[in-house]
Amino acid sequence: MIKHLTPVDLQELRSGDNFLQSGFWGLLKSFFGWKPYSFCLNRRPLLVLVRRLPGGMKIAYVPHGPDVNVHGDRPRFLKELGEELSARLPEKVSFVRFDLPWELKSGESSFADLDFALSLEKNLVKAVSDIQPPDTVIVSLKETEDEILARMKSKTRYNIRLAAKKGVLINRGGKELLSGWYELYKETAERDKITIHSKDYYTKVFNIAESGRVSSPEVTMFTASFGGDLIAGIIVVLLGNRATYLYGASSGKRRNLMPNYALQWEAMKYAKEIGCEEFDLFGIPPENDPDHPMYGLYRFKTGFGGRIVKRPGCWDMPLNKPLYALYRSAEKTRNWYYKRFRK
């Protein structure tokens, strides 16, 4: 099933619309503890990130990949790919983690429905936690602006118009807006108990996109201000036909002005203007559950009228089973801590 797996230079990695499988993402992660390896798999790009873990073990992580259509026995395909990567990677890894991009079809409630109830037989195990959010909302930008607005929930349209009516100003720019945005991001992290990267990380996001060293997306920041004060901002990645909302920050003040609605709408309009056909809001809770701690995020993002997309999440292929068992146990402990004390 693995017809061709050929190493290629990171600069040659062309990922279509999937920025997580781009040379840009590989180069960015290389500054923060990951070593990128790039391949051509059945004529499609394949980015693999390798990281050393405590205790000397290493993980090979495939972010939103393999980004190929697989017809037939998908578990067997992943098993063969894991074995090929184990043989071709110059570093010995304890396991391969696939963060699968494949969309669950309507009526499929879990990965098991996709023929993956095989775990032990095919040597695949559902990961303790997912790295990228498996569920998201994707808004089509193919229609006119009026038609896109008409698909939104009435409350979302109202809030977009309220922000404009109240005088919220939206600015589009790049890394020159980063300093103010990052201060707001730290405030957001403290308020919502989320973990964020250092400012250097986000600076490199912009610098690498602008460097021309690899095939890169456009990275754009949208900020919202009122009375001269910055009150919210988002970072959007635009690649091929897809724009993706990646990071967002907002002040605890002036929330009644609904700046976050205005920001997403301005980003959608800009993405449409430069030729994108869809806007990925990048992550929602798995169910429409009012008891979920992130239910507000679910309501906010689904209000834009997009299509809810569910993916299988992360699946692991252990190569060294004793070491993998140790890591899995440690990951369960870490996951418990973050669920109990942080979002």
C-alpha atoms as a PDB file:
ATOM      1  CA  MET A   1       0.000   0.000   0.000  1.00  0.00           C
ATOM      2  CA  ILE A   2       2.992   2.283   0.596  1.00  0.00           C
ATOM      3  CA  LYS A   3       3.990   2.641  -3.043  1.00  0.00           C
ATOM      4  CA  HIS A   4       6.536   5.441  -2.698  1.00  0.00           C
ATOM      5  CA  LEU A   5       8.154   7.015   0.375  1.00  0.00           C
ATOM      6  CA  THR A   6      11.031   9.223  -0.676  1.00  0.00           C
ATOM      7  CA  PRO A   7      13.016  11.680   1.475  1.00  0.00           C
ATOM      8  CA  VAL A   8      12.874  15.261   0.192  1.00  0.00           C
ATOM      9  CA  ASP A   9      14.369  18.536   1.344  1.00  0.00           C
ATOM     10  CA  LEU A  10      12.181  20.557   3.707  1.00  0.00           C
ATOM     11  CA  GLN A  11      12.254  23.394   1.191  1.00  0.00           C
ATOM     12  CA  GLU A  12      10.643  21.101  -1.374  1.00  0.00           C
ATOM     13  CA  LEU A  13       7.674  20.222   0.835  1.00  0.00           C
ATOM     14  CA  ARG A  14       4.529  21.489  -0.892  1.00  0.00           C
ATOM     15  CA  SER A  15       1.494  20.868   1.269  1.00  0.00           C
ATOM     16  CA  GLY A  16      -1.465  22.312  -0.613  1.00  0.00           C
ATOM     17  CA  ASP A  17      -3.860  23.706   2.002  1.00  0.00           C
ATOM     18  CA  ASN A  18      -2.512  21.857   5.068  1.00  0.00           C
ATOM     19  CA  PHE A  19      -0.111  24.187   6.894  1.00  0.00           C
ATOM     20  CA  LEU A  20       0.632  21.497   9.520  1.00  0.00           C
ATOM     21  CA  GLN A  21       2.231  19.440   6.745  1.00  0.00           C
ATOM     22  CA  SER A  22       4.237  22.342   5.343  1.00  0.00           C
ATOM     23  CA  GLY A  23       7.922  23.169   5.375  1.00  0.00           C
ATOM     24  CA  PHE A  24       6.927  26.284   7.299  1.00  0.00           C
ATOM     25  CA  TRP A  25       5.600  24.229  10.211  1.00  0.00           C
ATOM     26  CA  GLY A  26       8.605  21.918  10.181  1.00  0.00           C
ATOM     27  CA  LEU A  27      11.050  24.829  10.266  1.00  0.00           C
ATOM     28  CA  LEU A  28       9.099  26.570  13.035  1.00  0.00           C
ATOM     29  CA  LYS A  29       9.085  23.458  15.213  1.00  0.00           C
ATOM     30  CA  SER A  30      12.818  22.937  14.639  1.00  0.00           C
ATOM     31  CA  PHE A  31      13.469  25.957  16.885  1.00  0.00           C
ATOM     32  CA  PHE A  32      11.472  24.457  19.748  1.00  0.00           C
ATOM     33  CA  GLY A  33      12.769  20.970  20.396  1.00  0.00           C
ATOM     34  CA  TRP A  34      11.545  19.102  17.313  1.00  0.00           C
ATOM     35  CA  LYS A  35      13.604  17.800  14.394  1.00  0.00           C
ATOM     36  CA  PRO A  36      11.706  17.804  11.087  1.00  0.00           C
ATOM     37  CA  TYR A  37      11.979  15.081   8.464  1.00  0.00           C
ATOM     38  CA  SER A  38      10.229  15.463   5.129  1.00  0.00           C
ATOM     39  CA  PHE A  39       9.152  12.848   2.629  1.00  0.00           C
ATOM     40  CA  CYS A  40       7.080  12.416  -0.487  1.00  0.00           C
ATOM     41  CA  LEU A  41       4.460   9.715   0.173  1.00  0.00           C
ATOM     42  CA  ASN A  42       2.571   8.432  -2.861  1.00  0.00           C
ATOM     43  CA  ARG A  43       3.163  11.857  -4.465  1.00  0.00           C
ATOM     44  CA  ARG A  44       1.939  13.726  -1.385  1.00  0.00           C
ATOM     45  CA  PRO A  45       4.012  15.622   1.209  1.00  0.00           C
ATOM     46  CA  LEU A  46       4.680  13.987   4.568  1.00  0.00           C
ATOM     47  CA  LEU A  47       6.156  15.965   7.451  1.00  0.00           C
ATOM     48  CA  VAL A  48       7.374  13.965  10.445  1.00  0.00           C
ATOM     49  CA  LEU A  49       8.562  15.674  13.645  1.00  0.00           C
ATOM     50  CA  VAL A  50      10.893  13.846  16.031  1.00  0.00           C
ATOM     51  CA  ARG A  51      11.422  14.869  19.650  1.00  0.00           C
ATOM     52  CA  ARG A  52      13.462  13.493  22.512  1.00  0.00           C
ATOM     53  CA  LEU A  53      11.380  12.714  25.582  1.00  0.00           C
ATOM     54  CA  PRO A  54      12.426  12.326  29.213  1.00  0.00           C
ATOM     55  CA  GLY A  55      14.210   9.055  29.840  1.00  0.00           C
ATOM     56  CA  GLY A  56      15.921   9.029  26.461  1.00  0.00           C
ATOM     57  CA  MET A  57      12.991   7.833  24.350  1.00  0.00           C
ATOM     58  CA  LYS A  58      11.919   9.618  21.174  1.00  0.00           C
ATOM     59  CA  ILE A  59       8.560  10.210  19.535  1.00  0.00           C
ATOM     60  CA  ALA A  60       7.853  10.589  15.815  1.00  0.00           C
ATOM     61  CA  TYR A  61       4.796  12.801  15.369  1.00  0.00           C
ATOM     62  CA  VAL A  62       2.889  13.241  12.089  1.00  0.00           C
ATOM     63  CA  PRO A  63       0.750  16.419  12.418  1.00  0.00           C
ATOM     64  CA  HIS A  64      -2.513  16.116  10.473  1.00  0.00           C
ATOM     65  CA  GLY A  65      -1.002  13.412   8.355  1.00  0.00           C
ATOM     66  CA  PRO A  66      -0.648  11.329   6.338  1.00  0.00           C
ATOM     67  CA  ASP A  67      -2.565  13.729   4.127  1.00  0.00           C
ATOM     68  CA  VAL A  68      -3.421  11.094   1.519  1.00  0.00           C
ATOM     69  CA  ASN A  69      -6.619   9.359   0.494  1.00  0.00           C
ATOM     70  CA  VAL A  70      -6.526   5.709   1.522  1.00  0.00           C
ATOM     71  CA  HIS A  71      -8.910   3.243  -0.052  1.00  0.00           C
ATOM     72  CA  GLY A  72      -9.295  -0.084   1.647  1.00  0.00           C
ATOM     73  CA  ASP A  73      -7.511  -1.225   4.783  1.00  0.00           C
ATOM     74  CA  ARG A  74      -6.495   1.995   6.510  1.00  0.00           C
ATOM     75  CA  PRO A  75      -5.143   0.284   9.650  1.00  0.00           C
ATOM     76  CA  ARG A  76      -2.828  -1.786   7.490  1.00  0.00           C
ATOM     77  CA  PHE A  77      -1.754   1.356   5.630  1.00  0.00           C
ATOM     78  CA  LEU A  78      -0.800   3.087   8.879  1.00  0.00           C
ATOM     79  CA  LYS A  79       0.991  -0.005  10.170  1.00  0.00           C
ATOM     80  CA  GLU A  80       3.069  -0.203   6.994  1.00  0.00           C
ATOM     81  CA  LEU A  81       3.789   3.517   7.094  1.00  0.00           C
ATOM     82  CA  GLY A  82       4.894   3.333  10.728  1.00  0.00           C
ATOM     83  CA  GLU A  83       7.241   0.475   9.905  1.00  0.00           C
ATOM     84  CA  GLU A  84       8.648   2.344   6.898  1.00  0.00           C
ATOM     85  CA  LEU A  85       9.252   5.467   8.972  1.00  0.00           C
ATOM     86  CA  SER A  86      10.921   3.414  11.684  1.00  0.00           C
ATOM     87  CA  ALA A  87      13.327   2.051   9.091  1.00  0.00           C
ATOM     88  CA  ARG A  88      13.959   5.345   7.261  1.00  0.00           C
ATOM     89  CA  LEU A  89      14.236   7.837  10.108  1.00  0.00           C
ATOM     90  CA  PRO A  90      17.890   8.272  11.136  1.00  0.00           C
ATOM     91  CA  GLU A  91      16.806   8.385  14.788  1.00  0.00           C
ATOM     92  CA  LYS A  92      15.408   5.410  16.662  1.00  0.00           C
ATOM     93  CA  VAL A  93      11.926   6.275  17.918  1.00  0.00           C
ATOM     94  CA  SER A  94       9.863   4.493  20.565  1.00  0.00           C
ATOM     95  CA  PHE A  95       6.562   5.119  18.830  1.00  0.00           C
ATOM     96  CA  VAL A  96       4.912   6.970  15.942  1.00  0.00           C
ATOM     97  CA  ARG A  97       1.941   9.212  16.680  1.00  0.00           C
ATOM     98  CA  PHE A  98      -0.406   9.875  13.751  1.00  0.00           C
ATOM     99  CA  ASP A  99      -2.627  12.941  14.186  1.00  0.00           C
ATOM    100  CA  LEU A 100      -5.036  11.854  11.489  1.00  0.00           C
ATOM    101  CA  PRO A 101      -6.603  14.438   9.155  1.00  0.00           C
ATOM    102  CA  TRP A 102      -9.224  12.047   7.783  1.00  0.00           C
ATOM    103  CA  GLU A 103     -12.738  13.320   8.239  1.00  0.00           C
ATOM    104  CA  LEU A 104     -15.331  11.118   9.875  1.00  0.00           C
ATOM    105  CA  LYS A 105     -18.323  10.659   7.612  1.00  0.00           C
ATOM    106  CA  SER A 106     -21.858  11.490   8.634  1.00  0.00           C
ATOM    107  CA  GLY A 107     -23.171   8.896  11.060  1.00  0.00           C
ATOM    108  CA  GLU A 108     -19.729   7.700  12.122  1.00  0.00           C
ATOM    109  CA  SER A 109     -19.459   8.397  15.822  1.00  0.00           C
ATOM    110  CA  SER A 110     -15.957   7.131  16.453  1.00  0.00           C
ATOM    111  CA  PHE A 111     -12.772   5.847  14.870  1.00  0.00           C
ATOM    112  CA  ALA A 112     -14.029   2.301  15.428  1.00  0.00           C
ATOM    113  CA  ASP A 113     -16.711   2.960  12.816  1.00  0.00           C
ATOM    114  CA  LEU A 114     -13.935   3.563  10.299  1.00  0.00           C
ATOM    115  CA  ASP A 115     -12.616  -0.003  10.628  1.00  0.00           C
ATOM    116  CA  PHE A 116     -10.103   0.871  13.336  1.00  0.00           C
ATOM    117  CA  ALA A 117     -11.415  -1.406  16.049  1.00  0.00           C
ATOM    118  CA  LEU A 118      -8.296  -3.418  15.311  1.00  0.00           C
ATOM    119  CA  SER A 119      -5.917  -1.778  17.796  1.00  0.00           C
ATOM    120  CA  LEU A 120      -3.888  -4.766  19.014  1.00  0.00           C
ATOM    121  CA  GLU A 121      -4.066  -6.771  15.805  1.00  0.00           C
ATOM    122  CA  LYS A 122      -2.714  -3.927  13.709  1.00  0.00           C
ATOM    123  CA  ASN A 123      -0.511  -2.547  16.497  1.00  0.00           C
ATOM    124  CA  LEU A 124      -2.382   0.767  16.729  1.00  0.00           C
ATOM    125  CA  VAL A 125      -3.504   2.295  20.017  1.00  0.00           C
ATOM    126  CA  LYS A 126      -5.710   5.346  20.610  1.00  0.00           C
ATOM    127  CA  ALA A 127      -3.509   8.020  22.157  1.00  0.00           C
ATOM    128  CA  VAL A 128      -4.211   9.187  25.697  1.00  0.00           C
ATOM    129  CA  SER A 129      -4.681  12.729  24.428  1.00  0.00           C
ATOM    130  CA  ASP A 130      -4.932  14.539  21.116  1.00  0.00           C
ATOM    131  CA  ILE A 131      -2.426  17.188  20.081  1.00  0.00           C
ATOM    132  CA  GLN A 132      -4.414  19.087  17.468  1.00  0.00           C
ATOM    133  CA  PRO A 133      -8.158  19.504  18.088  1.00  0.00           C
ATOM    134  CA  PRO A 134     -10.015  16.641  16.337  1.00  0.00           C
ATOM    135  CA  ASP A 135     -13.238  18.649  15.953  1.00  0.00           C
ATOM    136  CA  THR A 136     -13.597  21.974  14.222  1.00  0.00           C
ATOM    137  CA  VAL A 137     -15.906  24.268  12.260  1.00  0.00           C
ATOM    138  CA  ILE A 138     -15.154  25.100   8.627  1.00  0.00           C
ATOM    139  CA  VAL A 139     -16.950  28.025   7.002  1.00  0.00           C
ATOM    140  CA  SER A 140     -17.311  27.992   3.218  1.00  0.00           C
ATOM    141  CA  LEU A 141     -16.182  31.219   1.559  1.00  0.00           C
ATOM    142  CA  LYS A 142     -17.349  30.309  -1.934  1.00  0.00           C
ATOM    143  CA  GLU A 143     -20.612  32.252  -1.674  1.00  0.00           C
ATOM    144  CA  THR A 144     -21.144  36.015  -1.551  1.00  0.00           C
ATOM    145  CA  GLU A 145     -20.623  37.881   1.716  1.00  0.00           C
ATOM    146  CA  ASP A 146     -24.381  38.273   2.097  1.00  0.00           C
ATOM    147  CA  GLU A 147     -24.882  34.528   1.635  1.00  0.00           C
ATOM    148  CA  ILE A 148     -22.143  33.733   4.176  1.00  0.00           C
ATOM    149  CA  LEU A 149     -23.788  36.081   6.669  1.00  0.00           C
ATOM    150  CA  ALA A 150     -27.191  34.542   6.003  1.00  0.00           C
ATOM    151  CA  ARG A 151     -25.895  31.097   7.055  1.00  0.00           C
ATOM    152  CA  MET A 152     -24.770  32.439  10.431  1.00  0.00           C
ATOM    153  CA  LYS A 153     -26.938  32.313  13.511  1.00  0.00           C
ATOM    154  CA  SER A 154     -28.904  35.512  14.001  1.00  0.00           C
ATOM    155  CA  LYS A 155     -27.096  36.308  17.255  1.00  0.00           C
ATOM    156  CA  THR A 156     -23.726  36.089  15.495  1.00  0.00           C
ATOM    157  CA  ARG A 157     -24.847  38.475  12.745  1.00  0.00           C
ATOM    158  CA  TYR A 158     -26.218  40.821  15.406  1.00  0.00           C
ATOM    159  CA  ASN A 159     -22.911  40.822  17.301  1.00  0.00           C
ATOM    160  CA  ILE A 160     -20.885  41.481  14.153  1.00  0.00           C
ATOM    161  CA  ARG A 161     -23.049  44.501  13.372  1.00  0.00           C
ATOM    162  CA  LEU A 162     -23.051  45.634  17.007  1.00  0.00           C
ATOM    163  CA  ALA A 163     -19.251  45.844  17.046  1.00  0.00           C
ATOM    164  CA  ALA A 164     -19.276  48.030  13.945  1.00  0.00           C
ATOM    165  CA  LYS A 165     -22.116  50.177  15.279  1.00  0.00           C
ATOM    166  CA  LYS A 166     -20.314  50.761  18.582  1.00  0.00           C
ATOM    167  CA  GLY A 167     -17.162  51.918  16.809  1.00  0.00           C
ATOM    168  CA  VAL A 168     -14.839  48.918  17.164  1.00  0.00           C
ATOM    169  CA  LEU A 169     -11.961  49.427  14.703  1.00  0.00           C
ATOM    170  CA  ILE A 170     -10.314  46.450  12.993  1.00  0.00           C
ATOM    171  CA  ASN A 171      -6.716  46.654  11.810  1.00  0.00           C
ATOM    172  CA  ARG A 172      -4.870  44.137   9.636  1.00  0.00           C
ATOM    173  CA  GLY A 173      -1.106  43.779   9.840  1.00  0.00           C
ATOM    174  CA  GLY A 174       1.822  41.572  10.756  1.00  0.00           C
ATOM    175  CA  LYS A 175       4.499  41.229  13.388  1.00  0.00           C
ATOM    176  CA  GLU A 176       4.543  44.991  14.019  1.00  0.00           C
ATOM    177  CA  LEU A 177       1.342  44.360  15.978  1.00  0.00           C
ATOM    178  CA  LEU A 178       2.805  41.475  17.958  1.00  0.00           C
ATOM    179  CA  SER A 179       4.025  43.253  21.106  1.00  0.00           C
ATOM    180  CA  GLY A 180       0.647  44.678  22.050  1.00  0.00           C
ATOM    181  CA  TRP A 181      -1.120  41.480  21.078  1.00  0.00           C
ATOM    182  CA  TYR A 182       1.189  39.311  23.186  1.00  0.00           C
ATOM    183  CA  GLU A 183       0.532  41.377  26.312  1.00  0.00           C
ATOM    184  CA  LEU A 184      -3.161  40.801  25.704  1.00  0.00           C
ATOM    185  CA  TYR A 185      -2.485  37.110  25.110  1.00  0.00           C
ATOM    186  CA  LYS A 186      -0.774  36.786  28.494  1.00  0.00           C
ATOM    187  CA  GLU A 187      -3.832  38.363  30.082  1.00  0.00           C
ATOM    188  CA  THR A 188      -6.052  35.881  28.249  1.00  0.00           C
ATOM    189  CA  ALA A 189      -3.899  32.946  29.365  1.00  0.00           C
ATOM    190  CA  GLU A 190      -4.059  34.034  32.988  1.00  0.00           C
ATOM    191  CA  ARG A 191      -7.822  34.545  32.868  1.00  0.00           C
ATOM    192  CA  ASP A 192      -8.656  31.320  31.055  1.00  0.00           C
ATOM    193  CA  LYS A 193      -5.889  29.195  32.612  1.00  0.00           C
ATOM    194  CA  ILE A 194      -4.352  28.182  29.304  1.00  0.00           C
ATOM    195  CA  THR A 195      -0.706  27.492  28.512  1.00  0.00           C
ATOM    196  CA  ILE A 196       0.954  29.668  25.871  1.00  0.00           C
ATOM    197  CA  HIS A 197       4.342  29.860  24.167  1.00  0.00           C
ATOM    198  CA  SER A 198       6.957  32.529  24.693  1.00  0.00           C
ATOM    199  CA  LYS A 199       6.817  35.710  22.643  1.00  0.00           C
ATOM    200  CA  ASP A 200       9.788  34.394  20.653  1.00  0.00           C
ATOM    201  CA  TYR A 201       7.612  31.557  19.344  1.00  0.00           C
ATOM    202  CA  TYR A 202       5.058  33.893  17.798  1.00  0.00           C
ATOM    203  CA  THR A 203       7.789  36.172  16.474  1.00  0.00           C
ATOM    204  CA  LYS A 204       9.269  33.199  14.637  1.00  0.00           C
ATOM    205  CA  VAL A 205       5.839  32.338  13.203  1.00  0.00           C
ATOM    206  CA  PHE A 206       5.907  35.670  11.366  1.00  0.00           C
ATOM    207  CA  ASN A 207       9.639  35.690  10.596  1.00  0.00           C
ATOM    208  CA  ILE A 208       9.641  32.243   8.999  1.00  0.00           C
ATOM    209  CA  ALA A 209       6.535  33.018   6.943  1.00  0.00           C
ATOM    210  CA  GLU A 210       8.254  36.149   5.621  1.00  0.00           C
ATOM    211  CA  SER A 211      11.716  34.610   5.130  1.00  0.00           C
ATOM    212  CA  GLY A 212      11.125  32.673   1.931  1.00  0.00           C
ATOM    213  CA  ARG A 213      13.326  29.852   3.284  1.00  0.00           C
ATOM    214  CA  VAL A 214      10.555  27.298   2.814  1.00  0.00           C
ATOM    215  CA  SER A 215       7.159  27.150   1.150  1.00  0.00           C
ATOM    216  CA  SER A 216       5.175  29.265   3.596  1.00  0.00           C
ATOM    217  CA  PRO A 217       1.655  30.488   4.175  1.00  0.00           C
ATOM    218  CA  GLU A 218       0.702  34.091   4.676  1.00  0.00           C
ATOM    219  CA  VAL A 219       0.448  34.865   8.386  1.00  0.00           C
ATOM    220  CA  THR A 220      -1.762  37.836   9.206  1.00  0.00           C
ATOM    221  CA  MET A 221      -2.850  39.498  12.417  1.00  0.00           C
ATOM    222  CA  PHE A 222      -6.179  41.226  12.913  1.00  0.00           C
ATOM    223  CA  THR A 223      -6.605  43.491  15.918  1.00  0.00           C
ATOM    224  CA  ALA A 224      -9.670  45.201  17.374  1.00  0.00           C
ATOM    225  CA  SER A 225      -9.417  48.519  19.206  1.00  0.00           C
ATOM    226  CA  PHE A 226     -11.795  50.942  20.866  1.00  0.00           C
ATOM    227  CA  GLY A 227     -10.967  54.462  21.961  1.00  0.00           C
ATOM    228  CA  GLY A 228      -7.333  53.837  21.132  1.00  0.00           C
ATOM    229  CA  ASP A 229      -7.102  50.731  23.320  1.00  0.00           C
ATOM    230  CA  LEU A 230      -6.342  47.266  21.992  1.00  0.00           C
ATOM    231  CA  ILE A 231      -9.166  44.969  23.122  1.00  0.00           C
ATOM    232  CA  ALA A 232      -8.723  41.799  21.022  1.00  0.00           C
ATOM    233  CA  GLY A 233      -6.604  40.221  18.301  1.00  0.00           C
ATOM    234  CA  ILE A 234      -6.264  37.031  16.264  1.00  0.00           C
ATOM    235  CA  ILE A 235      -3.554  35.398  14.145  1.00  0.00           C
ATOM    236  CA  VAL A 236      -4.667  33.713  10.932  1.00  0.00           C
ATOM    237  CA  VAL A 237      -2.684  31.415   8.626  1.00  0.00           C
ATOM    238  CA  LEU A 238      -3.634  31.491   4.928  1.00  0.00           C
ATOM    239  CA  LEU A 239      -2.378  28.732   2.631  1.00  0.00           C
ATOM    240  CA  GLY A 240      -3.810  27.605  -0.684  1.00  0.00           C
ATOM    241  CA  ASN A 241      -7.591  27.518  -0.536  1.00  0.00           C
ATOM    242  CA  ARG A 242      -7.778  27.508   3.264  1.00  0.00           C
ATOM    243  CA  ALA A 243      -7.462  30.122   5.981  1.00  0.00           C
ATOM    244  CA  THR A 244      -7.068  28.940   9.586  1.00  0.00           C
ATOM    245  CA  TYR A 245      -7.681  30.880  12.777  1.00  0.00           C
ATOM    246  CA  LEU A 246      -4.742  29.845  14.931  1.00  0.00           C
ATOM    247  CA  TYR A 247      -4.369  32.084  17.991  1.00  0.00           C
ATOM    248  CA  GLY A 248      -6.629  34.601  19.710  1.00  0.00           C
ATOM    249  CA  ALA A 249      -6.404  37.065  22.586  1.00  0.00           C
ATOM    250  CA  SER A 250      -8.962  39.360  24.177  1.00  0.00           C
ATOM    251  CA  SER A 251      -9.249  41.782  27.049  1.00  0.00           C
ATOM    252  CA  GLY A 252     -11.593  41.186  29.944  1.00  0.00           C
ATOM    253  CA  LYS A 253     -12.794  44.749  29.387  1.00  0.00           C
ATOM    254  CA  ARG A 254     -15.135  45.949  26.637  1.00  0.00           C
ATOM    255  CA  ARG A 255     -16.365  42.422  25.945  1.00  0.00           C
ATOM    256  CA  ASN A 256     -19.839  43.887  25.511  1.00  0.00           C
ATOM    257  CA  LEU A 257     -18.570  45.437  22.260  1.00  0.00           C
ATOM    258  CA  MET A 258     -18.258  41.944  20.719  1.00  0.00           C
ATOM    259  CA  PRO A 259     -14.816  42.496  19.133  1.00  0.00           C
ATOM    260  CA  ASN A 260     -14.170  38.763  18.640  1.00  0.00           C
ATOM    261  CA  TYR A 261     -17.132  38.464  16.275  1.00  0.00           C
ATOM    262  CA  ALA A 262     -15.919  41.419  14.242  1.00  0.00           C
ATOM    263  CA  LEU A 263     -12.394  40.007  14.066  1.00  0.00           C
ATOM    264  CA  GLN A 264     -13.474  36.633  12.689  1.00  0.00           C
ATOM    265  CA  TRP A 265     -15.732  38.248  10.122  1.00  0.00           C
ATOM    266  CA  GLU A 266     -12.998  40.629   8.916  1.00  0.00           C
ATOM    267  CA  ALA A 267     -10.591  37.693   8.669  1.00  0.00           C
ATOM    268  CA  MET A 268     -13.128  35.717   6.638  1.00  0.00           C
ATOM    269  CA  LYS A 269     -13.686  38.623   4.278  1.00  0.00           C
ATOM    270  CA  TYR A 270      -9.950  39.082   3.764  1.00  0.00           C
ATOM    271  CA  ALA A 271      -9.419  35.346   3.194  1.00  0.00           C
ATOM    272  CA  LYS A 272     -12.191  35.356   0.601  1.00  0.00           C
ATOM    273  CA  GLU A 273     -10.687  38.436  -1.059  1.00  0.00           C
ATOM    274  CA  ILE A 274      -7.312  36.756  -1.612  1.00  0.00           C
ATOM    275  CA  GLY A 275      -8.881  33.567  -2.988  1.00  0.00           C
ATOM    276  CA  CYS A 276      -9.399  31.223  -0.040  1.00  0.00           C
ATOM    277  CA  GLU A 277     -12.461  29.003  -0.305  1.00  0.00           C
ATOM    278  CA  GLU A 278     -12.810  27.993   3.348  1.00  0.00           C
ATOM    279  CA  PHE A 279     -12.100  29.305   6.820  1.00  0.00           C
ATOM    280  CA  ASP A 280     -11.154  26.831   9.547  1.00  0.00           C
ATOM    281  CA  LEU A 281     -12.030  28.018  13.066  1.00  0.00           C
ATOM    282  CA  PHE A 282      -9.646  25.318  14.362  1.00  0.00           C
ATOM    283  CA  GLY A 283     -11.100  23.567  17.324  1.00  0.00           C
ATOM    284  CA  ILE A 284     -14.336  23.076  19.231  1.00  0.00           C
ATOM    285  CA  PRO A 285     -15.410  20.748  22.065  1.00  0.00           C
ATOM    286  CA  PRO A 286     -16.552  17.333  20.814  1.00  0.00           C
ATOM    287  CA  GLU A 287     -20.243  17.768  21.624  1.00  0.00           C
ATOM    288  CA  ASN A 288     -22.886  20.453  22.028  1.00  0.00           C
ATOM    289  CA  ASP A 289     -22.806  20.020  25.799  1.00  0.00           C
ATOM    290  CA  PRO A 290     -23.694  22.958  28.105  1.00  0.00           C
ATOM    291  CA  ASP A 291     -21.783  21.259  30.929  1.00  0.00           C
ATOM    292  CA  HIS A 292     -18.516  21.219  28.993  1.00  0.00           C
ATOM    293  CA  PRO A 293     -16.023  23.802  30.357  1.00  0.00           C
ATOM    294  CA  MET A 294     -15.462  25.119  26.819  1.00  0.00           C
ATOM    295  CA  TYR A 295     -19.122  25.246  25.840  1.00  0.00           C
ATOM    296  CA  GLY A 296     -18.876  28.995  25.251  1.00  0.00           C
ATOM    297  CA  LEU A 297     -16.273  28.331  22.578  1.00  0.00           C
ATOM    298  CA  TYR A 298     -18.596  25.806  20.942  1.00  0.00           C
ATOM    299  CA  ARG A 299     -21.446  28.326  20.780  1.00  0.00           C
ATOM    300  CA  PHE A 300     -19.161  31.076  19.497  1.00  0.00           C
ATOM    301  CA  LYS A 301     -17.617  29.111  16.639  1.00  0.00           C
ATOM    302  CA  THR A 302     -20.704  27.211  15.520  1.00  0.00           C
ATOM    303  CA  GLY A 303     -22.542  30.525  15.372  1.00  0.00           C
ATOM    304  CA  PHE A 304     -20.671  31.357  12.155  1.00  0.00           C
ATOM    305  CA  GLY A 305     -22.721  28.775  10.291  1.00  0.00           C
ATOM    306  CA  GLY A 306     -19.923  26.492   9.159  1.00  0.00           C
ATOM    307  CA  ARG A 307     -19.772  22.749   8.734  1.00  0.00           C
ATOM    308  CA  ILE A 308     -18.821  20.772  11.846  1.00  0.00           C
ATOM    309  CA  VAL A 309     -15.925  18.446  11.034  1.00  0.00           C
ATOM    310  CA  LYS A 310     -14.910  15.515  13.223  1.00  0.00           C
ATOM    311  CA  ARG A 311     -11.594  13.695  12.881  1.00  0.00           C
ATOM    312  CA  PRO A 312     -10.227  10.557  14.565  1.00  0.00           C
ATOM    313  CA  GLY A 313      -7.558  12.383  16.585  1.00  0.00           C
ATOM    314  CA  CYS A 314      -4.212  10.832  17.540  1.00  0.00           C
ATOM    315  CA  TRP A 315      -3.351   7.149  17.192  1.00  0.00           C
ATOM    316  CA  ASP A 316      -0.059   5.613  18.267  1.00  0.00           C
ATOM    317  CA  MET A 317       2.001   2.817  16.780  1.00  0.00           C
ATOM    318  CA  PRO A 318       4.327   1.505  19.529  1.00  0.00           C
ATOM    319  CA  LEU A 319       7.728   0.345  18.283  1.00  0.00           C
ATOM    320  CA  ASN A 320       9.295  -0.231  21.690  1.00  0.00           C
ATOM    321  CA  LYS A 321       6.361  -1.459  23.755  1.00  0.00           C
ATOM    322  CA  PRO A 322       7.959  -1.313  27.248  1.00  0.00           C
ATOM    323  CA  LEU A 323       9.129   2.295  26.722  1.00  0.00           C
ATOM    324  CA  TYR A 324       5.813   3.240  25.167  1.00  0.00           C
ATOM    325  CA  ALA A 325       3.953   1.817  28.177  1.00  0.00           C
ATOM    326  CA  LEU A 326       6.049   4.019  30.494  1.00  0.00           C
ATOM    327  CA  TYR A 327       5.357   7.097  28.387  1.00  0.00           C
ATOM    328  CA  ARG A 328       1.643   6.329  28.188  1.00  0.00           C
ATOM    329  CA  SER A 329       1.437   6.072  31.964  1.00  0.00           C
ATOM    330  CA  ALA A 330       3.215   9.410  32.370  1.00  0.00           C
ATOM    331  CA  GLU A 331       0.962  11.003  29.777  1.00  0.00           C
ATOM    332  CA  LYS A 332      -2.141   9.856  31.639  1.00  0.00           C
ATOM    333  CA  THR A 333      -0.831  11.580  34.774  1.00  0.00           C
ATOM    334  CA  ARG A 334      -0.050  14.762  32.884  1.00  0.00           C
ATOM    335  CA  ASN A 335      -3.430  14.684  31.178  1.00  0.00           C
ATOM    336  CA  TRP A 336      -5.174  14.322  34.549  1.00  0.00           C
ATOM    337  CA  TYR A 337      -3.316  17.377  35.858  1.00  0.00           C
ATOM    338  CA  TYR A 338      -4.264  19.567  32.916  1.00  0.00           C
ATOM    339  CA  LYS A 339      -7.889  18.489  32.954  1.00  0.00           C
ATOM    340  CA  ARG A 340      -8.151  19.073  36.675  1.00  0.00           C
ATOM    341  CA  PHE A 341      -6.243  22.338  37.001  1.00  0.00           C
ATOM    342  CA  ARG A 342      -6.035  23.884  33.530  1.00  0.00           C
ATOM    343  CA  LYS A 343      -8.085  24.041  30.323  1.00  0.00           C
END
